[in-house]
Amino acid sequence: MKKEEIFTVKVGAKKVWSYVTAVVTHMNTSGDKVVIRARGRNIYKAVEVVNAIKRSFYTDLVIDKVNIVSDKVITSKGETKISAIEIVVKLPSEGRGKEG
């Protein structure tokens, strides 16, 4: 049995609305579940993305799961750990109505 592949938006150096656009576009065309992932100093942006989507596009958006993890990264100074967050959001199962 094949594991379901969930669309992931990796939050980085771009502005918050770039990631909001990616999530909303995916939800409007392909699916109702998205993982928003960020590491280190960009964790706050992942939270801002979710808040912006709830405030501006889908007031009924459900935060399905939040995972807090550490990624091992190899740098010129050796191996280090960087904190990361994965926020799984989805639209309610009873409808995909756009609000706002």
PDB file of N, CA and C in Angstrom:
ATOM      1  N   MET A   1       0.841  -1.176   0.000  1.00  0.00           N
ATOM      2  CA  MET A   1       0.000   0.000   0.000  1.00  0.00           C
ATOM      3  C   MET A   1       0.887   1.241   0.000  1.00  0.00           C
ATOM      4  N   LYS A   2       0.593   2.190  -0.893  1.00  0.00           N
ATOM      5  CA  LYS A   2       1.401   3.392  -1.039  1.00  0.00           C
ATOM      6  C   LYS A   2       0.962   4.456  -0.034  1.00  0.00           C
ATOM      7  N   LYS A   3       1.940   5.065   0.633  1.00  0.00           N
ATOM      8  CA  LYS A   3       1.651   6.128   1.589  1.00  0.00           C
ATOM      9  C   LYS A   3       1.242   7.395   0.836  1.00  0.00           C
ATOM     10  N   GLU A   4       0.211   8.071   1.355  1.00  0.00           N
ATOM     11  CA  GLU A   4      -0.278   9.301   0.735  1.00  0.00           C
ATOM     12  C   GLU A   4       0.788  10.392   0.818  1.00  0.00           C
ATOM     13  N   GLU A   5       1.075  11.000  -0.316  1.00  0.00           N
ATOM     14  CA  GLU A   5       2.048  12.089  -0.391  1.00  0.00           C
ATOM     15  C   GLU A   5       1.315  13.402  -0.142  1.00  0.00           C
ATOM     16  N   ILE A   6       1.747  14.156   0.865  1.00  0.00           N
ATOM     17  CA  ILE A   6       1.104  15.417   1.213  1.00  0.00           C
ATOM     18  C   ILE A   6       1.967  16.564   0.696  1.00  0.00           C
ATOM     19  N   PHE A   7       1.327  17.520   0.041  1.00  0.00           N
ATOM     20  CA  PHE A   7       2.008  18.693  -0.501  1.00  0.00           C
ATOM     21  C   PHE A   7       2.675  19.468   0.637  1.00  0.00           C
ATOM     22  N   THR A   8       3.948  19.792   0.472  1.00  0.00           N
ATOM     23  CA  THR A   8       4.703  20.498   1.503  1.00  0.00           C
ATOM     24  C   THR A   8       5.205  21.833   0.970  1.00  0.00           C
ATOM     25  N   VAL A   9       4.963  22.882   1.745  1.00  0.00           N
ATOM     26  CA  VAL A   9       5.492  24.206   1.436  1.00  0.00           C
ATOM     27  C   VAL A   9       6.631  24.450   2.414  1.00  0.00           C
ATOM     28  N   LYS A  10       7.841  24.626   1.885  1.00  0.00           N
ATOM     29  CA  LYS A  10       9.016  24.867   2.725  1.00  0.00           C
ATOM     30  C   LYS A  10       9.242  26.372   2.836  1.00  0.00           C
ATOM     31  N   VAL A  11       9.067  26.884   4.039  1.00  0.00           N
ATOM     32  CA  VAL A  11       9.169  28.313   4.292  1.00  0.00           C
ATOM     33  C   VAL A  11      10.638  28.680   4.489  1.00  0.00           C
ATOM     34  N   GLY A  12      11.056  29.736   3.795  1.00  0.00           N
ATOM     35  CA  GLY A  12      12.452  30.169   3.879  1.00  0.00           C
ATOM     36  C   GLY A  12      12.570  31.676   3.838  1.00  0.00           C
ATOM     37  N   ALA A  13      13.365  32.183   2.898  1.00  0.00           N
ATOM     38  CA  ALA A  13      13.738  33.597   2.864  1.00  0.00           C
ATOM     39  C   ALA A  13      12.715  34.514   2.196  1.00  0.00           C
ATOM     40  N   LYS A  14      11.757  33.958   1.455  1.00  0.00           N
ATOM     41  CA  LYS A  14      10.781  34.802   0.763  1.00  0.00           C
ATOM     42  C   LYS A  14       9.822  35.454   1.746  1.00  0.00           C
ATOM     43  N   LYS A  15       9.010  36.359   1.226  1.00  0.00           N
ATOM     44  CA  LYS A  15       8.009  37.019   2.054  1.00  0.00           C
ATOM     45  C   LYS A  15       6.852  36.064   2.346  1.00  0.00           C
ATOM     46  N   VAL A  16       6.165  36.309   3.446  1.00  0.00           N
ATOM     47  CA  VAL A  16       5.087  35.442   3.917  1.00  0.00           C
ATOM     48  C   VAL A  16       4.037  35.214   2.834  1.00  0.00           C
ATOM     49  N   TRP A  17       3.657  36.262   2.111  1.00  0.00           N
ATOM     50  CA  TRP A  17       2.575  36.121   1.136  1.00  0.00           C
ATOM     51  C   TRP A  17       2.939  35.223  -0.036  1.00  0.00           C
ATOM     52  N   SER A  18       4.209  35.003  -0.302  1.00  0.00           N
ATOM     53  CA  SER A  18       4.606  34.038  -1.332  1.00  0.00           C
ATOM     54  C   SER A  18       4.172  32.632  -0.939  1.00  0.00           C
ATOM     55  N   TYR A  19       4.337  32.315   0.320  1.00  0.00           N
ATOM     56  CA  TYR A  19       3.967  30.988   0.822  1.00  0.00           C
ATOM     57  C   TYR A  19       2.454  30.865   0.969  1.00  0.00           C
ATOM     58  N   VAL A  20       1.793  31.954   1.364  1.00  0.00           N
ATOM     59  CA  VAL A  20       0.327  31.951   1.445  1.00  0.00           C
ATOM     60  C   VAL A  20      -0.246  31.643   0.062  1.00  0.00           C
ATOM     61  N   THR A  21       0.277  32.292  -0.957  1.00  0.00           N
ATOM     62  CA  THR A  21      -0.186  32.069  -2.328  1.00  0.00           C
ATOM     63  C   THR A  21      -0.003  30.613  -2.744  1.00  0.00           C
ATOM     64  N   ALA A  22       1.130  30.025  -2.398  1.00  0.00           N
ATOM     65  CA  ALA A  22       1.385  28.627  -2.750  1.00  0.00           C
ATOM     66  C   ALA A  22       0.375  27.693  -2.083  1.00  0.00           C
ATOM     67  N   VAL A  23       0.086  27.923  -0.817  1.00  0.00           N
ATOM     68  CA  VAL A  23      -0.854  27.067  -0.088  1.00  0.00           C
ATOM     69  C   VAL A  23      -2.266  27.222  -0.646  1.00  0.00           C
ATOM     70  N   VAL A  24      -2.712  28.451  -0.831  1.00  0.00           N
ATOM     71  CA  VAL A  24      -4.073  28.688  -1.322  1.00  0.00           C
ATOM     72  C   VAL A  24      -4.239  28.132  -2.739  1.00  0.00           C
ATOM     73  N   THR A  25      -3.239  28.317  -3.584  1.00  0.00           N
ATOM     74  CA  THR A  25      -3.300  27.773  -4.940  1.00  0.00           C
ATOM     75  C   THR A  25      -3.450  26.259  -4.907  1.00  0.00           C
ATOM     76  N   HIS A  26      -2.670  25.605  -4.071  1.00  0.00           N
ATOM     77  CA  HIS A  26      -2.764  24.146  -3.974  1.00  0.00           C
ATOM     78  C   HIS A  26      -4.142  23.718  -3.472  1.00  0.00           C
ATOM     79  N   MET A  27      -4.643  24.388  -2.452  1.00  0.00           N
ATOM     80  CA  MET A  27      -5.948  24.021  -1.903  1.00  0.00           C
ATOM     81  C   MET A  27      -7.076  24.252  -2.901  1.00  0.00           C
ATOM     82  N   ASN A  28      -6.954  25.272  -3.723  1.00  0.00           N
ATOM     83  CA  ASN A  28      -7.986  25.557  -4.722  1.00  0.00           C
ATOM     84  C   ASN A  28      -7.958  24.598  -5.897  1.00  0.00           C
ATOM     85  N   THR A  29      -6.805  23.996  -6.179  1.00  0.00           N
ATOM     86  CA  THR A  29      -6.691  23.175  -7.382  1.00  0.00           C
ATOM     87  C   THR A  29      -6.521  21.682  -7.118  1.00  0.00           C
ATOM     88  N   SER A  30      -5.746  21.324  -6.112  1.00  0.00           N
ATOM     89  CA  SER A  30      -5.321  19.931  -6.013  1.00  0.00           C
ATOM     90  C   SER A  30      -5.738  19.192  -4.759  1.00  0.00           C
ATOM     91  N   GLY A  31      -5.842  19.861  -3.664  1.00  0.00           N
ATOM     92  CA  GLY A  31      -6.072  19.102  -2.445  1.00  0.00           C
ATOM     93  C   GLY A  31      -6.530  19.963  -1.304  1.00  0.00           C
ATOM     94  N   ASP A  32      -6.816  19.284  -0.213  1.00  0.00           N
ATOM     95  CA  ASP A  32      -7.331  20.000   0.941  1.00  0.00           C
ATOM     96  C   ASP A  32      -6.426  19.866   2.158  1.00  0.00           C
ATOM     97  N   LYS A  33      -5.194  19.351   1.952  1.00  0.00           N
ATOM     98  CA  LYS A  33      -4.270  19.157   3.066  1.00  0.00           C
ATOM     99  C   LYS A  33      -2.872  19.604   2.639  1.00  0.00           C
ATOM    100  N   VAL A  34      -2.218  20.393   3.497  1.00  0.00           N
ATOM    101  CA  VAL A  34      -0.889  20.933   3.183  1.00  0.00           C
ATOM    102  C   VAL A  34      -0.033  20.922   4.444  1.00  0.00           C
ATOM    103  N   VAL A  35       1.248  20.627   4.275  1.00  0.00           N
ATOM    104  CA  VAL A  35       2.224  20.747   5.360  1.00  0.00           C
ATOM    105  C   VAL A  35       3.015  22.024   5.126  1.00  0.00           C
ATOM    106  N   ILE A  36       3.076  22.869   6.142  1.00  0.00           N
ATOM    107  CA  ILE A  36       3.866  24.088   6.087  1.00  0.00           C
ATOM    108  C   ILE A  36       5.058  23.857   7.002  1.00  0.00           C
ATOM    109  N   ARG A  37       6.269  23.872   6.423  1.00  0.00           N
ATOM    110  CA  ARG A  37       7.469  23.473   7.164  1.00  0.00           C
ATOM    111  C   ARG A  37       8.491  24.595   7.155  1.00  0.00           C
ATOM    112  N   ALA A  38       9.112  24.833   8.311  1.00  0.00           N
ATOM    113  CA  ALA A  38      10.154  25.860   8.408  1.00  0.00           C
ATOM    114  C   ALA A  38      11.203  25.420   9.418  1.00  0.00           C
ATOM    115  N   ARG A  39      12.414  25.941   9.239  1.00  0.00           N
ATOM    116  CA  ARG A  39      13.511  25.639  10.163  1.00  0.00           C
ATOM    117  C   ARG A  39      14.081  26.922  10.734  1.00  0.00           C
ATOM    118  N   GLY A  40      14.626  26.792  11.934  1.00  0.00           N
ATOM    119  CA  GLY A  40      15.393  27.876  12.549  1.00  0.00           C
ATOM    120  C   GLY A  40      14.654  29.189  12.656  1.00  0.00           C
ATOM    121  N   ARG A  41      15.298  30.239  12.155  1.00  0.00           N
ATOM    122  CA  ARG A  41      14.753  31.590  12.274  1.00  0.00           C
ATOM    123  C   ARG A  41      13.492  31.823  11.448  1.00  0.00           C
ATOM    124  N   ASN A  42      13.137  30.892  10.582  1.00  0.00           N
ATOM    125  CA  ASN A  42      11.941  31.038   9.753  1.00  0.00           C
ATOM    126  C   ASN A  42      10.702  30.391  10.358  1.00  0.00           C
ATOM    127  N   ILE A  43      10.815  29.833  11.547  1.00  0.00           N
ATOM    128  CA  ILE A  43       9.666  29.187  12.185  1.00  0.00           C
ATOM    129  C   ILE A  43       8.523  30.194  12.362  1.00  0.00           C
ATOM    130  N   TYR A  44       8.847  31.408  12.744  1.00  0.00           N
ATOM    131  CA  TYR A  44       7.790  32.410  12.937  1.00  0.00           C
ATOM    132  C   TYR A  44       7.022  32.664  11.649  1.00  0.00           C
ATOM    133  N   LYS A  45       7.701  32.553  10.490  1.00  0.00           N
ATOM    134  CA  LYS A  45       7.029  32.774   9.214  1.00  0.00           C
ATOM    135  C   LYS A  45       5.993  31.691   8.932  1.00  0.00           C
ATOM    136  N   ALA A  46       6.295  30.462   9.327  1.00  0.00           N
ATOM    137  CA  ALA A  46       5.327  29.378   9.133  1.00  0.00           C
ATOM    138  C   ALA A  46       4.048  29.666   9.910  1.00  0.00           C
ATOM    139  N   VAL A  47       4.202  30.159  11.130  1.00  0.00           N
ATOM    140  CA  VAL A  47       3.039  30.522  11.945  1.00  0.00           C
ATOM    141  C   VAL A  47       2.289  31.682  11.295  1.00  0.00           C
ATOM    142  N   GLU A  48       3.011  32.669  10.776  1.00  0.00           N
ATOM    143  CA  GLU A  48       2.381  33.798  10.103  1.00  0.00           C
ATOM    144  C   GLU A  48       1.620  33.353   8.850  1.00  0.00           C
ATOM    145  N   VAL A  49       2.156  32.391   8.123  1.00  0.00           N
ATOM    146  CA  VAL A  49       1.479  31.861   6.931  1.00  0.00           C
ATOM    147  C   VAL A  49       0.126  31.273   7.320  1.00  0.00           C
ATOM    148  N   VAL A  50       0.111  30.436   8.346  1.00  0.00           N
ATOM    149  CA  VAL A  50      -1.138  29.814   8.790  1.00  0.00           C
ATOM    150  C   VAL A  50      -2.127  30.891   9.236  1.00  0.00           C
ATOM    151  N   ASN A  51      -1.673  31.849  10.015  1.00  0.00           N
ATOM    152  CA  ASN A  51      -2.556  32.918  10.494  1.00  0.00           C
ATOM    153  C   ASN A  51      -3.112  33.748   9.335  1.00  0.00           C
ATOM    154  N   ALA A  52      -2.297  34.042   8.348  1.00  0.00           N
ATOM    155  CA  ALA A  52      -2.747  34.833   7.194  1.00  0.00           C
ATOM    156  C   ALA A  52      -3.788  34.070   6.380  1.00  0.00           C
ATOM    157  N   ILE A  53      -3.591  32.778   6.221  1.00  0.00           N
ATOM    158  CA  ILE A  53      -4.561  31.964   5.477  1.00  0.00           C
ATOM    159  C   ILE A  53      -5.900  31.933   6.212  1.00  0.00           C
ATOM    160  N   LYS A  54      -5.847  31.726   7.533  1.00  0.00           N
ATOM    161  CA  LYS A  54      -7.082  31.705   8.328  1.00  0.00           C
ATOM    162  C   LYS A  54      -7.787  33.059   8.307  1.00  0.00           C
ATOM    163  N   ARG A  55      -7.030  34.110   8.378  1.00  0.00           N
ATOM    164  CA  ARG A  55      -7.598  35.457   8.448  1.00  0.00           C
ATOM    165  C   ARG A  55      -8.154  35.918   7.098  1.00  0.00           C
ATOM    166  N   SER A  56      -7.475  35.571   6.001  1.00  0.00           N
ATOM    167  CA  SER A  56      -7.813  36.154   4.707  1.00  0.00           C
ATOM    168  C   SER A  56      -8.523  35.231   3.728  1.00  0.00           C
ATOM    169  N   PHE A  57      -8.377  33.927   3.871  1.00  0.00           N
ATOM    170  CA  PHE A  57      -8.921  33.021   2.859  1.00  0.00           C
ATOM    171  C   PHE A  57      -9.882  31.971   3.414  1.00  0.00           C
ATOM    172  N   TYR A  58      -9.441  31.202   4.379  1.00  0.00           N
ATOM    173  CA  TYR A  58     -10.236  30.093   4.893  1.00  0.00           C
ATOM    174  C   TYR A  58     -10.403  30.245   6.402  1.00  0.00           C
ATOM    175  N   THR A  59     -11.492  30.856   6.827  1.00  0.00           N
ATOM    176  CA  THR A  59     -11.713  31.042   8.263  1.00  0.00           C
ATOM    177  C   THR A  59     -11.993  29.718   8.964  1.00  0.00           C
ATOM    178  N   ASP A  60     -12.372  28.705   8.189  1.00  0.00           N
ATOM    179  CA  ASP A  60     -12.674  27.387   8.758  1.00  0.00           C
ATOM    180  C   ASP A  60     -11.488  26.426   8.669  1.00  0.00           C
ATOM    181  N   LEU A  61     -10.302  26.930   8.342  1.00  0.00           N
ATOM    182  CA  LEU A  61      -9.100  26.100   8.230  1.00  0.00           C
ATOM    183  C   LEU A  61      -8.833  25.368   9.541  1.00  0.00           C
ATOM    184  N   VAL A  62      -8.485  24.101   9.444  1.00  0.00           N
ATOM    185  CA  VAL A  62      -8.227  23.272  10.623  1.00  0.00           C
ATOM    186  C   VAL A  62      -6.730  22.993  10.712  1.00  0.00           C
ATOM    187  N   ILE A  63      -6.151  23.241  11.893  1.00  0.00           N
ATOM    188  CA  ILE A  63      -4.762  22.850  12.137  1.00  0.00           C
ATOM    189  C   ILE A  63      -4.817  21.402  12.603  1.00  0.00           C
ATOM    190  N   ASP A  64      -4.434  20.497  11.718  1.00  0.00           N
ATOM    191  CA  ASP A  64      -4.561  19.067  11.955  1.00  0.00           C
ATOM    192  C   ASP A  64      -3.508  18.548  12.923  1.00  0.00           C
ATOM    193  N   LYS A  65      -2.272  19.032  12.747  1.00  0.00           N
ATOM    194  CA  LYS A  65      -1.167  18.513  13.557  1.00  0.00           C
ATOM    195  C   LYS A  65      -0.018  19.508  13.528  1.00  0.00           C
ATOM    196  N   VAL A  66       0.730  19.581  14.619  1.00  0.00           N
ATOM    197  CA  VAL A  66       1.946  20.385  14.675  1.00  0.00           C
ATOM    198  C   VAL A  66       3.073  19.480  15.167  1.00  0.00           C
ATOM    199  N   ASN A  67       4.113  19.367  14.381  1.00  0.00           N
ATOM    200  CA  ASN A  67       5.284  18.572  14.756  1.00  0.00           C
ATOM    201  C   ASN A  67       6.462  19.505  14.980  1.00  0.00           C
ATOM    202  N   ILE A  68       7.139  19.320  16.089  1.00  0.00           N
ATOM    203  CA  ILE A  68       8.361  20.066  16.370  1.00  0.00           C
ATOM    204  C   ILE A  68       9.501  19.058  16.368  1.00  0.00           C
ATOM    205  N   VAL A  69      10.466  19.278  15.487  1.00  0.00           N
ATOM    206  CA  VAL A  69      11.538  18.311  15.285  1.00  0.00           C
ATOM    207  C   VAL A  69      12.884  19.025  15.242  1.00  0.00           C
ATOM    208  N   SER A  70      13.945  18.241  15.204  1.00  0.00           N
ATOM    209  CA  SER A  70      15.294  18.757  15.002  1.00  0.00           C
ATOM    210  C   SER A  70      15.885  18.089  13.768  1.00  0.00           C
ATOM    211  N   ASP A  71      16.451  18.893  12.894  1.00  0.00           N
ATOM    212  CA  ASP A  71      17.125  18.388  11.703  1.00  0.00           C
ATOM    213  C   ASP A  71      18.622  18.432  11.932  1.00  0.00           C
ATOM    214  N   LYS A  72      19.314  17.361  11.555  1.00  0.00           N
ATOM    215  CA  LYS A  72      20.768  17.375  11.596  1.00  0.00           C
ATOM    216  C   LYS A  72      21.275  17.983  10.308  1.00  0.00           C
ATOM    217  N   VAL A  73      22.142  18.990  10.447  1.00  0.00           N
ATOM    218  CA  VAL A  73      22.698  19.693   9.299  1.00  0.00           C
ATOM    219  C   VAL A  73      24.217  19.656   9.400  1.00  0.00           C
ATOM    220  N   ILE A  74      24.860  19.344   8.284  1.00  0.00           N
ATOM    221  CA  ILE A  74      26.320  19.325   8.250  1.00  0.00           C
ATOM    222  C   ILE A  74      26.797  20.644   7.658  1.00  0.00           C
ATOM    223  N   THR A  75      27.596  21.365   8.439  1.00  0.00           N
ATOM    224  CA  THR A  75      28.155  22.642   8.004  1.00  0.00           C
ATOM    225  C   THR A  75      29.679  22.535   7.976  1.00  0.00           C
ATOM    226  N   SER A  76      30.308  23.638   7.637  1.00  0.00           N
ATOM    227  CA  SER A  76      31.773  23.645   7.627  1.00  0.00           C
ATOM    228  C   SER A  76      32.345  23.467   9.038  1.00  0.00           C
ATOM    229  N   LYS A  77      31.546  23.747  10.068  1.00  0.00           N
ATOM    230  CA  LYS A  77      31.973  23.597  11.452  1.00  0.00           C
ATOM    231  C   LYS A  77      31.623  22.225  12.026  1.00  0.00           C
ATOM    232  N   GLY A  78      31.003  21.379  11.207  1.00  0.00           N
ATOM    233  CA  GLY A  78      30.625  20.051  11.674  1.00  0.00           C
ATOM    234  C   GLY A  78      29.121  19.877  11.675  1.00  0.00           C
ATOM    235  N   GLU A  79      28.675  18.838  12.366  1.00  0.00           N
ATOM    236  CA  GLU A  79      27.244  18.537  12.422  1.00  0.00           C
ATOM    237  C   GLU A  79      26.568  19.347  13.522  1.00  0.00           C
ATOM    238  N   THR A  80      25.414  19.888  13.209  1.00  0.00           N
ATOM    239  CA  THR A  80      24.649  20.655  14.188  1.00  0.00           C
ATOM    240  C   THR A  80      23.169  20.325  14.034  1.00  0.00           C
ATOM    241  N   LYS A  81      22.388  20.656  15.039  1.00  0.00           N
ATOM    242  CA  LYS A  81      20.947  20.428  14.977  1.00  0.00           C
ATOM    243  C   LYS A  81      20.234  21.772  14.852  1.00  0.00           C
ATOM    244  N   ILE A  82      19.209  21.780  13.996  1.00  0.00           N
ATOM    245  CA  ILE A  82      18.394  22.973  13.807  1.00  0.00           C
ATOM    246  C   ILE A  82      16.948  22.601  14.098  1.00  0.00           C
ATOM    247  N   SER A  83      16.283  23.405  14.908  1.00  0.00           N
ATOM    248  CA  SER A  83      14.876  23.162  15.212  1.00  0.00           C
ATOM    249  C   SER A  83      14.030  23.429  13.980  1.00  0.00           C
ATOM    250  N   ALA A  84      12.943  22.658  13.848  1.00  0.00           N
ATOM    251  CA  ALA A  84      12.031  22.828  12.725  1.00  0.00           C
ATOM    252  C   ALA A  84      10.603  22.601  13.201  1.00  0.00           C
ATOM    253  N   ILE A  85       9.667  23.160  12.447  1.00  0.00           N
ATOM    254  CA  ILE A  85       8.249  22.977  12.749  1.00  0.00           C
ATOM    255  C   ILE A  85       7.535  22.544  11.476  1.00  0.00           C
ATOM    256  N   GLU A  86       6.596  21.642  11.625  1.00  0.00           N
ATOM    257  CA  GLU A  86       5.729  21.216  10.538  1.00  0.00           C
ATOM    258  C   GLU A  86       4.293  21.419  11.005  1.00  0.00           C
ATOM    259  N   ILE A  87       3.572  22.263  10.301  1.00  0.00           N
ATOM    260  CA  ILE A  87       2.176  22.529  10.634  1.00  0.00           C
ATOM    261  C   ILE A  87       1.322  21.940   9.516  1.00  0.00           C
ATOM    262  N   VAL A  88       0.503  20.951   9.860  1.00  0.00           N
ATOM    263  CA  VAL A  88      -0.373  20.313   8.883  1.00  0.00           C
ATOM    264  C   VAL A  88      -1.738  20.989   8.983  1.00  0.00           C
ATOM    265  N   VAL A  89      -2.168  21.592   7.881  1.00  0.00           N
ATOM    266  CA  VAL A  89      -3.462  22.262   7.844  1.00  0.00           C
ATOM    267  C   VAL A  89      -4.341  21.585   6.804  1.00  0.00           C
ATOM    268  N   LYS A  90      -5.645  21.648   7.048  1.00  0.00           N
ATOM    269  CA  LYS A  90      -6.579  21.055   6.092  1.00  0.00           C
ATOM    270  C   LYS A  90      -7.892  21.809   6.141  1.00  0.00           C
ATOM    271  N   LEU A  91      -8.659  21.618   5.091  1.00  0.00           N
ATOM    272  CA  LEU A  91     -10.006  22.169   5.053  1.00  0.00           C
ATOM    273  C   LEU A  91     -10.946  21.170   5.699  1.00  0.00           C
ATOM    274  N   PRO A  92     -12.027  21.640   6.294  1.00  0.00           N
ATOM    275  CA  PRO A  92     -12.966  20.712   6.921  1.00  0.00           C
ATOM    276  C   PRO A  92     -13.516  19.713   5.902  1.00  0.00           C
ATOM    277  N   SER A  93     -13.765  18.502   6.356  1.00  0.00           N
ATOM    278  CA  SER A  93     -14.220  17.444   5.445  1.00  0.00           C
ATOM    279  C   SER A  93     -15.627  17.659   4.923  1.00  0.00           C
ATOM    280  N   GLU A  94     -16.459  18.440   5.639  1.00  0.00           N
ATOM    281  CA  GLU A  94     -17.844  18.619   5.201  1.00  0.00           C
ATOM    282  C   GLU A  94     -17.978  19.612   4.055  1.00  0.00           C
ATOM    283  N   GLY A  95     -16.925  20.334   3.723  1.00  0.00           N
ATOM    284  CA  GLY A  95     -17.041  21.271   2.599  1.00  0.00           C
ATOM    285  C   GLY A  95     -15.757  22.019   2.379  1.00  0.00           C
ATOM    286  N   ARG A  96     -15.581  22.480   1.155  1.00  0.00           N
ATOM    287  CA  ARG A  96     -14.382  23.231   0.813  1.00  0.00           C
ATOM    288  C   ARG A  96     -14.734  24.654   0.450  1.00  0.00           C
ATOM    289  N   GLY A  97     -15.740  25.202   1.065  1.00  0.00           N
ATOM    290  CA  GLY A  97     -16.191  26.549   0.721  1.00  0.00           C
ATOM    291  C   GLY A  97     -15.177  27.606   1.066  1.00  0.00           C
ATOM    292  N   LYS A  98     -14.953  28.509   0.135  1.00  0.00           N
ATOM    293  CA  LYS A  98     -14.029  29.622   0.353  1.00  0.00           C
ATOM    294  C   LYS A  98     -14.785  30.739   1.048  1.00  0.00           C
ATOM    295  N   GLU A  99     -14.196  31.270   2.095  1.00  0.00           N
ATOM    296  CA  GLU A  99     -14.818  32.372   2.817  1.00  0.00           C
ATOM    297  C   GLU A  99     -13.911  33.573   2.750  1.00  0.00           C
ATOM    298  N   GLY A 100     -14.513  34.759   2.865  1.00  0.00           N
ATOM    299  CA  GLY A 100     -13.703  35.965   2.935  1.00  0.00           C
ATOM    300  C   GLY A 100     -13.707  36.674   1.691  1.00  0.00           C
TER     301      GLY A 100
END
